[in-house]
Amino acid sequence: MTVAIDPREPGPLCWSGPYGEIRAQIVEELPSAIQVHADGMALHVRPLVEIEGTDPWMSRVLARMRERGG
């Protein structure tokens, strides 16, 4: 399956696929990142607390973790 992705088209930059949802934002400069090591690779990711305000699912996950003291 091929999906045409053109940020100039109107609407949100959001796509669903077999492995979950992909959302994109066009920004002037890259947001802050932290480095996470997994399976011998260093990955640059955004801190979850920065994503929490814009992602309802992540907000629920972090709320459950906080309730459990994690």
N, C-alpha and C. Protein backbone atom coordinates (compact mmCIF):
# COMPACT_ATOMS: atom_id res chain seq x y z
N MET A 1 0.85 -1.18 0.00
CA MET A 1 0.00 0.00 0.00
C MET A 1 0.89 1.24 0.00
N THR A 2 0.60 2.17 -0.86
CA THR A 2 1.33 3.43 -0.93
C THR A 2 0.42 4.55 -0.47
N VAL A 3 0.94 5.41 0.38
CA VAL A 3 0.18 6.55 0.89
C VAL A 3 0.87 7.82 0.41
N ALA A 4 0.11 8.68 -0.24
CA ALA A 4 0.66 9.96 -0.68
C ALA A 4 0.75 10.88 0.53
N ILE A 5 1.94 11.36 0.82
CA ILE A 5 2.16 12.25 1.96
C ILE A 5 2.66 13.58 1.43
N ASP A 6 1.84 14.59 1.59
CA ASP A 6 2.22 15.93 1.15
C ASP A 6 1.79 16.92 2.22
N PRO A 7 2.73 17.49 2.98
CA PRO A 7 2.36 18.39 4.06
C PRO A 7 1.65 19.66 3.59
N ARG A 8 1.66 19.93 2.30
CA ARG A 8 0.96 21.11 1.78
C ARG A 8 -0.54 20.87 1.66
N GLU A 9 -0.96 19.60 1.69
CA GLU A 9 -2.38 19.27 1.62
C GLU A 9 -3.05 19.63 2.94
N PRO A 10 -4.32 20.07 2.90
CA PRO A 10 -5.01 20.42 4.15
C PRO A 10 -5.29 19.19 5.00
N GLY A 11 -5.46 19.43 6.29
CA GLY A 11 -5.79 18.36 7.22
C GLY A 11 -4.60 17.96 8.07
N PRO A 12 -4.88 17.14 9.10
CA PRO A 12 -3.81 16.72 10.01
C PRO A 12 -2.84 15.76 9.34
N LEU A 13 -1.61 15.79 9.78
CA LEU A 13 -0.59 14.86 9.29
C LEU A 13 -0.65 13.63 10.20
N CYS A 14 -1.60 12.75 9.92
CA CYS A 14 -1.86 11.60 10.78
C CYS A 14 -2.28 10.42 9.91
N TRP A 15 -1.64 9.26 10.12
CA TRP A 15 -1.94 8.07 9.35
C TRP A 15 -1.99 6.87 10.27
N SER A 16 -2.90 5.93 9.98
CA SER A 16 -2.99 4.68 10.74
C SER A 16 -2.50 3.55 9.84
N GLY A 17 -1.80 2.62 10.44
CA GLY A 17 -1.29 1.48 9.70
C GLY A 17 -1.32 0.24 10.57
N PRO A 18 -0.78 -0.85 10.08
CA PRO A 18 -0.83 -2.11 10.83
C PRO A 18 -0.03 -2.08 12.13
N TYR A 19 0.89 -1.14 12.27
CA TYR A 19 1.73 -1.08 13.47
C TYR A 19 1.37 0.08 14.39
N GLY A 20 0.27 0.76 14.12
CA GLY A 20 -0.15 1.86 14.97
C GLY A 20 -0.38 3.13 14.18
N GLU A 21 -0.34 4.23 14.89
CA GLU A 21 -0.63 5.53 14.30
C GLU A 21 0.66 6.34 14.17
N ILE A 22 0.77 7.05 13.08
CA ILE A 22 1.92 7.94 12.86
C ILE A 22 1.37 9.35 12.74
N ARG A 23 1.94 10.25 13.54
CA ARG A 23 1.56 11.66 13.47
C ARG A 23 2.82 12.49 13.27
N ALA A 24 2.69 13.53 12.47
CA ALA A 24 3.84 14.38 12.20
C ALA A 24 3.46 15.84 12.43
N GLN A 25 4.47 16.63 12.76
CA GLN A 25 4.32 18.07 12.90
C GLN A 25 5.44 18.72 12.11
N ILE A 26 5.11 19.78 11.40
CA ILE A 26 6.12 20.56 10.70
C ILE A 26 6.55 21.68 11.65
N VAL A 27 7.84 21.73 11.96
CA VAL A 27 8.35 22.72 12.92
C VAL A 27 9.58 23.42 12.34
N GLU A 28 9.85 24.60 12.87
CA GLU A 28 11.01 25.36 12.42
C GLU A 28 12.33 24.70 12.84
N GLU A 29 12.36 24.17 14.07
CA GLU A 29 13.57 23.48 14.55
C GLU A 29 13.16 22.25 15.35
N LEU A 30 14.06 21.30 15.43
CA LEU A 30 13.77 20.05 16.12
C LEU A 30 13.54 20.28 17.60
N PRO A 31 12.59 19.55 18.20
CA PRO A 31 12.38 19.68 19.65
C PRO A 31 13.52 19.03 20.42
N SER A 32 13.57 19.30 21.71
CA SER A 32 14.60 18.68 22.55
C SER A 32 14.42 17.16 22.54
N ALA A 33 15.50 16.46 22.73
CA ALA A 33 15.45 15.00 22.71
C ALA A 33 16.34 14.45 23.80
N ILE A 34 16.05 13.22 24.19
CA ILE A 34 16.91 12.47 25.09
C ILE A 34 17.38 11.23 24.34
N GLN A 35 18.43 10.62 24.82
CA GLN A 35 18.96 9.43 24.17
C GLN A 35 18.57 8.20 24.98
N VAL A 36 17.97 7.23 24.28
CA VAL A 36 17.56 5.97 24.89
C VAL A 36 18.33 4.87 24.18
N HIS A 37 18.86 3.92 24.94
CA HIS A 37 19.59 2.80 24.34
C HIS A 37 18.71 1.56 24.39
N ALA A 38 18.52 0.93 23.23
CA ALA A 38 17.71 -0.27 23.13
C ALA A 38 18.35 -1.21 22.11
N ASP A 39 18.55 -2.43 22.50
CA ASP A 39 19.08 -3.45 21.61
C ASP A 39 20.38 -3.00 20.94
N GLY A 40 21.23 -2.33 21.72
CA GLY A 40 22.52 -1.90 21.22
C GLY A 40 22.50 -0.65 20.34
N MET A 41 21.33 -0.03 20.21
CA MET A 41 21.23 1.18 19.39
C MET A 41 20.93 2.38 20.28
N ALA A 42 21.46 3.53 19.91
CA ALA A 42 21.14 4.78 20.60
C ALA A 42 20.06 5.50 19.79
N LEU A 43 18.93 5.74 20.43
CA LEU A 43 17.80 6.38 19.76
C LEU A 43 17.53 7.74 20.39
N HIS A 44 17.32 8.74 19.58
CA HIS A 44 16.96 10.07 20.07
C HIS A 44 15.44 10.18 20.06
N VAL A 45 14.85 10.38 21.22
CA VAL A 45 13.39 10.44 21.36
C VAL A 45 12.99 11.66 22.17
N ARG A 46 11.75 12.06 22.04
CA ARG A 46 11.24 13.17 22.84
C ARG A 46 10.84 12.64 24.22
N PRO A 47 11.09 13.41 25.27
CA PRO A 47 10.65 13.00 26.61
C PRO A 47 9.13 12.84 26.65
N LEU A 48 8.65 11.81 27.34
CA LEU A 48 7.22 11.54 27.38
C LEU A 48 6.42 12.70 27.94
N VAL A 49 6.97 13.43 28.91
CA VAL A 49 6.22 14.54 29.49
C VAL A 49 5.97 15.64 28.45
N GLU A 50 6.80 15.74 27.43
CA GLU A 50 6.57 16.72 26.37
C GLU A 50 5.48 16.27 25.41
N ILE A 51 5.32 14.98 25.26
CA ILE A 51 4.30 14.42 24.37
C ILE A 51 2.94 14.37 25.06
N GLU A 52 2.96 14.27 26.36
CA GLU A 52 1.73 14.08 27.15
C GLU A 52 0.66 15.12 26.83
N GLY A 53 1.03 16.38 26.68
CA GLY A 53 0.05 17.43 26.45
C GLY A 53 -0.63 17.40 25.10
N THR A 54 -0.04 16.71 24.14
CA THR A 54 -0.62 16.68 22.79
C THR A 54 -1.13 15.31 22.39
N ASP A 55 -0.94 14.30 23.23
CA ASP A 55 -1.34 12.94 22.88
C ASP A 55 -2.22 12.37 23.99
N PRO A 56 -3.54 12.27 23.76
CA PRO A 56 -4.45 11.77 24.80
C PRO A 56 -4.09 10.36 25.29
N TRP A 57 -3.65 9.49 24.38
CA TRP A 57 -3.30 8.14 24.79
C TRP A 57 -2.11 8.17 25.74
N MET A 58 -1.09 8.94 25.40
CA MET A 58 0.09 9.03 26.26
C MET A 58 -0.27 9.66 27.60
N SER A 59 -1.17 10.61 27.59
CA SER A 59 -1.63 11.23 28.83
C SER A 59 -2.25 10.19 29.76
N ARG A 60 -3.08 9.30 29.20
CA ARG A 60 -3.71 8.24 30.02
C ARG A 60 -2.66 7.26 30.55
N VAL A 61 -1.71 6.87 29.70
CA VAL A 61 -0.67 5.93 30.13
C VAL A 61 0.15 6.52 31.28
N LEU A 62 0.57 7.77 31.14
CA LEU A 62 1.37 8.40 32.19
C LEU A 62 0.56 8.60 33.47
N ALA A 63 -0.73 8.90 33.35
CA ALA A 63 -1.59 9.04 34.53
C ALA A 63 -1.66 7.71 35.28
N ARG A 64 -1.81 6.60 34.56
CA ARG A 64 -1.85 5.27 35.21
C ARG A 64 -0.52 4.97 35.89
N MET A 65 0.58 5.30 35.24
CA MET A 65 1.89 5.06 35.84
C MET A 65 2.06 5.86 37.12
N ARG A 66 1.61 7.11 37.10
CA ARG A 66 1.73 7.95 38.30
C ARG A 66 0.87 7.41 39.44
N GLU A 67 -0.34 6.91 39.11
CA GLU A 67 -1.21 6.32 40.13
C GLU A 67 -0.54 5.14 40.81
N ARG A 68 0.18 4.37 40.03
CA ARG A 68 0.85 3.16 40.55
C ARG A 68 2.20 3.48 41.18
N GLY A 69 2.57 4.74 41.15
CA GLY A 69 3.83 5.13 41.78
C GLY A 69 5.04 4.89 40.91
N GLY A 70 4.84 4.80 39.59
CA GLY A 70 5.95 4.51 38.68
C GLY A 70 6.60 5.67 38.08
